[in-house]
Amino acid sequence: MNARRKYIKRASQFVIAVQLDLQTDGFIYQKWDSVQRCKPGDWLVNNNGDTYTVDREVFARTYQQRHQKPGTYVKVTPVWAEIATSAGAVRTKEGSTSYEAGDYLVYNQPDGGDAYAIRRAEFERMYEAANKSASQT
């Protein structure tokens, strides 16, 4: 793996999300080459046409509602990411995600906790290096 770096979501990037706030056992679905599990209280997210679920505690900690647009949220916490040098799979809170060499392994915690993977083009569209943003302000 390459060195892990800190990134922030680009200001233009937001998601549309609805909390699964129903009396339900949740549901399972197939995505990222693995079975994913959505639990009661988790969030159903549409990220630029890519639909998936996010753990309720992770969503509450990392996203903030855009007040001018109901149902839209922005990720307000940084992530730490590194480029994968070989193919593999990473365990997530919902299941697991397969990745290829060149994709990004992303972590919501600086110590590598709360991991997921994103294709390189998507990651670079959504995120920018934290130090780049700080130097421009």
C-alpha atoms as a PDB file:
ATOM      1  CA  MET A   1       0.000   0.000   0.000  1.00  0.00           C
ATOM      2  CA  ASN A   2       1.009   3.605  -0.535  1.00  0.00           C
ATOM      3  CA  ALA A   3       1.182   6.117   2.307  1.00  0.00           C
ATOM      4  CA  ARG A   4      -2.164   6.966   3.877  1.00  0.00           C
ATOM      5  CA  ARG A   5      -3.161  10.623   3.465  1.00  0.00           C
ATOM      6  CA  LYS A   6      -5.907  12.835   4.859  1.00  0.00           C
ATOM      7  CA  TYR A   7      -8.671  13.963   2.459  1.00  0.00           C
ATOM      8  CA  ILE A   8     -11.837  16.043   2.657  1.00  0.00           C
ATOM      9  CA  LYS A   9     -14.992  15.883   0.575  1.00  0.00           C
ATOM     10  CA  ARG A  10     -15.109  18.490  -2.177  1.00  0.00           C
ATOM     11  CA  ALA A  11     -17.548  21.305  -1.332  1.00  0.00           C
ATOM     12  CA  SER A  12     -19.686  20.514  -4.402  1.00  0.00           C
ATOM     13  CA  GLN A  13     -20.274  16.885  -3.400  1.00  0.00           C
ATOM     14  CA  PHE A  14     -23.434  15.940  -1.501  1.00  0.00           C
ATOM     15  CA  VAL A  15     -25.653  12.883  -1.187  1.00  0.00           C
ATOM     16  CA  ILE A  16     -29.387  12.342  -1.015  1.00  0.00           C
ATOM     17  CA  ALA A  17     -30.243  10.164   1.981  1.00  0.00           C
ATOM     18  CA  VAL A  18     -33.197   8.717   3.885  1.00  0.00           C
ATOM     19  CA  GLN A  19     -32.963   6.963   7.224  1.00  0.00           C
ATOM     20  CA  LEU A  20     -34.513   3.486   7.447  1.00  0.00           C
ATOM     21  CA  ASP A  21     -36.532   4.581  10.482  1.00  0.00           C
ATOM     22  CA  LEU A  22     -39.098   1.764  10.315  1.00  0.00           C
ATOM     23  CA  GLN A  23     -39.974  -1.285  12.364  1.00  0.00           C
ATOM     24  CA  THR A  24     -37.977  -3.749  10.317  1.00  0.00           C
ATOM     25  CA  ASP A  25     -35.218  -6.300  10.634  1.00  0.00           C
ATOM     26  CA  GLY A  26     -33.380  -4.440   7.865  1.00  0.00           C
ATOM     27  CA  PHE A  27     -32.440  -6.100   4.599  1.00  0.00           C
ATOM     28  CA  ILE A  28     -29.556  -7.658   2.694  1.00  0.00           C
ATOM     29  CA  TYR A  29     -28.392  -6.755  -0.785  1.00  0.00           C
ATOM     30  CA  GLN A  30     -25.581  -7.544  -3.204  1.00  0.00           C
ATOM     31  CA  LYS A  31     -23.022  -4.812  -3.966  1.00  0.00           C
ATOM     32  CA  TRP A  32     -19.247  -4.469  -4.330  1.00  0.00           C
ATOM     33  CA  ASP A  33     -18.940  -8.224  -5.021  1.00  0.00           C
ATOM     34  CA  SER A  34     -20.336  -9.122  -1.578  1.00  0.00           C
ATOM     35  CA  VAL A  35     -23.491  -9.383   0.504  1.00  0.00           C
ATOM     36  CA  GLN A  36     -24.247  -6.134   2.375  1.00  0.00           C
ATOM     37  CA  ARG A  37     -26.504  -5.758   5.408  1.00  0.00           C
ATOM     38  CA  CYS A  38     -28.696  -2.767   6.195  1.00  0.00           C
ATOM     39  CA  LYS A  39     -29.828  -2.572   9.825  1.00  0.00           C
ATOM     40  CA  PRO A  40     -32.779  -0.671  11.284  1.00  0.00           C
ATOM     41  CA  GLY A  41     -31.846   2.998  11.581  1.00  0.00           C
ATOM     42  CA  ASP A  42     -29.179   2.850   8.844  1.00  0.00           C
ATOM     43  CA  TRP A  43     -29.313   5.308   5.950  1.00  0.00           C
ATOM     44  CA  LEU A  44     -30.123   4.625   2.286  1.00  0.00           C
ATOM     45  CA  VAL A  45     -27.823   6.927   0.289  1.00  0.00           C
ATOM     46  CA  ASN A  46     -27.781   8.012  -3.343  1.00  0.00           C
ATOM     47  CA  ASN A  47     -24.313   9.349  -4.134  1.00  0.00           C
ATOM     48  CA  ASN A  48     -24.352  10.712  -7.687  1.00  0.00           C
ATOM     49  CA  GLY A  49     -26.377   7.699  -8.880  1.00  0.00           C
ATOM     50  CA  ASP A  50     -24.546   5.109  -6.758  1.00  0.00           C
ATOM     51  CA  THR A  51     -26.959   3.709  -4.152  1.00  0.00           C
ATOM     52  CA  TYR A  52     -25.837   2.008  -0.936  1.00  0.00           C
ATOM     53  CA  THR A  53     -26.435   2.035   2.810  1.00  0.00           C
ATOM     54  CA  VAL A  54     -24.462   3.683   5.610  1.00  0.00           C
ATOM     55  CA  ASP A  55     -24.422   2.555   9.240  1.00  0.00           C
ATOM     56  CA  ARG A  56     -26.553   4.921  11.374  1.00  0.00           C
ATOM     57  CA  GLU A  57     -23.770   5.782  13.845  1.00  0.00           C
ATOM     58  CA  VAL A  58     -21.276   6.420  11.047  1.00  0.00           C
ATOM     59  CA  PHE A  59     -23.786   8.608   9.202  1.00  0.00           C
ATOM     60  CA  ALA A  60     -24.598  10.633  12.332  1.00  0.00           C
ATOM     61  CA  ARG A  61     -20.898  11.184  13.032  1.00  0.00           C
ATOM     62  CA  THR A  62     -19.758  12.011   9.499  1.00  0.00           C
ATOM     63  CA  TYR A  63     -22.646  13.708   7.636  1.00  0.00           C
ATOM     64  CA  GLN A  64     -24.511  16.983   8.135  1.00  0.00           C
ATOM     65  CA  GLN A  65     -27.802  18.048   6.542  1.00  0.00           C
ATOM     66  CA  ARG A  66     -27.695  20.872   4.012  1.00  0.00           C
ATOM     67  CA  HIS A  67     -30.297  23.207   5.486  1.00  0.00           C
ATOM     68  CA  GLN A  68     -31.261  24.761   2.175  1.00  0.00           C
ATOM     69  CA  LYS A  69     -32.021  21.362   0.615  1.00  0.00           C
ATOM     70  CA  PRO A  70     -34.074  18.833   2.664  1.00  0.00           C
ATOM     71  CA  GLY A  71     -32.874  15.254   2.203  1.00  0.00           C
ATOM     72  CA  THR A  72     -29.397  16.331   1.118  1.00  0.00           C
ATOM     73  CA  TYR A  73     -26.308  15.804   3.235  1.00  0.00           C
ATOM     74  CA  VAL A  74     -22.616  16.563   3.026  1.00  0.00           C
ATOM     75  CA  LYS A  75     -19.797  14.574   4.551  1.00  0.00           C
ATOM     76  CA  VAL A  76     -18.146  16.961   6.998  1.00  0.00           C
ATOM     77  CA  THR A  77     -15.440  14.796   8.534  1.00  0.00           C
ATOM     78  CA  PRO A  78     -12.134  13.966   6.840  1.00  0.00           C
ATOM     79  CA  VAL A  79     -11.150  10.511   5.632  1.00  0.00           C
ATOM     80  CA  TRP A  80      -7.748   8.868   5.376  1.00  0.00           C
ATOM     81  CA  ALA A  81      -6.987   6.991   2.168  1.00  0.00           C
ATOM     82  CA  GLU A  82      -4.288   5.101   0.345  1.00  0.00           C
ATOM     83  CA  ILE A  83      -4.023   3.653  -3.135  1.00  0.00           C
ATOM     84  CA  ALA A  84      -4.189  -0.148  -3.251  1.00  0.00           C
ATOM     85  CA  THR A  85      -1.156  -1.752  -4.907  1.00  0.00           C
ATOM     86  CA  SER A  86      -2.949  -5.063  -5.514  1.00  0.00           C
ATOM     87  CA  ALA A  87      -6.500  -6.413  -5.705  1.00  0.00           C
ATOM     88  CA  GLY A  88      -8.292  -7.582  -2.578  1.00  0.00           C
ATOM     89  CA  ALA A  89     -11.285  -7.039  -0.322  1.00  0.00           C
ATOM     90  CA  VAL A  90     -11.796  -4.886   2.744  1.00  0.00           C
ATOM     91  CA  ARG A  91     -14.243  -5.601   5.552  1.00  0.00           C
ATOM     92  CA  THR A  92     -16.875  -2.886   6.052  1.00  0.00           C
ATOM     93  CA  LYS A  93     -19.629  -2.306   8.613  1.00  0.00           C
ATOM     94  CA  GLU A  94     -22.183  -3.519   6.054  1.00  0.00           C
ATOM     95  CA  GLY A  95     -20.222  -6.483   4.639  1.00  0.00           C
ATOM     96  CA  SER A  96     -17.124  -6.226   2.461  1.00  0.00           C
ATOM     97  CA  THR A  97     -15.959  -4.441  -0.670  1.00  0.00           C
ATOM     98  CA  SER A  98     -13.715  -5.823  -3.417  1.00  0.00           C
ATOM     99  CA  TYR A  99     -11.128  -3.527  -4.959  1.00  0.00           C
ATOM    100  CA  GLU A 100      -8.533  -3.540  -7.730  1.00  0.00           C
ATOM    101  CA  ALA A 101      -4.979  -2.222  -7.783  1.00  0.00           C
ATOM    102  CA  GLY A 102      -5.199   1.556  -8.148  1.00  0.00           C
ATOM    103  CA  ASP A 103      -8.478   1.897  -6.241  1.00  0.00           C
ATOM    104  CA  TYR A 104      -8.529   3.809  -2.980  1.00  0.00           C
ATOM    105  CA  LEU A 105      -8.830   2.167   0.427  1.00  0.00           C
ATOM    106  CA  VAL A 106     -10.649   4.714   2.572  1.00  0.00           C
ATOM    107  CA  TYR A 107     -10.982   4.947   6.352  1.00  0.00           C
ATOM    108  CA  ASN A 108     -13.258   7.136   8.472  1.00  0.00           C
ATOM    109  CA  GLN A 109     -10.733   6.884  11.305  1.00  0.00           C
ATOM    110  CA  PRO A 110      -7.048   7.853  11.124  1.00  0.00           C
ATOM    111  CA  ASP A 111      -5.976   4.516  12.632  1.00  0.00           C
ATOM    112  CA  GLY A 112      -7.513   2.613   9.693  1.00  0.00           C
ATOM    113  CA  GLY A 113     -10.861   1.848  11.323  1.00  0.00           C
ATOM    114  CA  ASP A 114     -14.223   1.904   9.546  1.00  0.00           C
ATOM    115  CA  ALA A 115     -12.842   0.993   6.110  1.00  0.00           C
ATOM    116  CA  TYR A 116     -14.279   0.840   2.616  1.00  0.00           C
ATOM    117  CA  ALA A 117     -12.965   0.977  -0.971  1.00  0.00           C
ATOM    118  CA  ILE A 118     -13.735   3.352  -3.839  1.00  0.00           C
ATOM    119  CA  ARG A 119     -12.746   3.175  -7.504  1.00  0.00           C
ATOM    120  CA  ARG A 120      -9.987   5.669  -8.243  1.00  0.00           C
ATOM    121  CA  ALA A 121     -11.966   7.935 -10.629  1.00  0.00           C
ATOM    122  CA  GLU A 122     -14.871   8.210  -8.182  1.00  0.00           C
ATOM    123  CA  PHE A 123     -12.634   8.961  -5.216  1.00  0.00           C
ATOM    124  CA  GLU A 124     -10.755  11.683  -7.097  1.00  0.00           C
ATOM    125  CA  ARG A 125     -14.069  13.233  -8.236  1.00  0.00           C
ATOM    126  CA  MET A 126     -15.394  13.373  -4.656  1.00  0.00           C
ATOM    127  CA  TYR A 127     -12.321  14.125  -2.507  1.00  0.00           C
ATOM    128  CA  GLU A 128      -9.303  16.413  -2.376  1.00  0.00           C
ATOM    129  CA  ALA A 129      -6.172  16.299  -0.242  1.00  0.00           C
ATOM    130  CA  ALA A 130      -6.816  18.064   3.077  1.00  0.00           C
ATOM    131  CA  ASN A 131      -3.533  19.981   2.958  1.00  0.00           C
ATOM    132  CA  LYS A 132      -4.348  21.273  -0.558  1.00  0.00           C
ATOM    133  CA  SER A 133      -7.642  22.727   0.666  1.00  0.00           C
ATOM    134  CA  ALA A 134      -6.054  24.262   3.747  1.00  0.00           C
ATOM    135  CA  SER A 135      -3.342  25.966   1.711  1.00  0.00           C
ATOM    136  CA  GLN A 136      -5.953  27.558  -0.547  1.00  0.00           C
ATOM    137  CA  THR A 137      -7.914  29.201   2.265  1.00  0.00           C
END
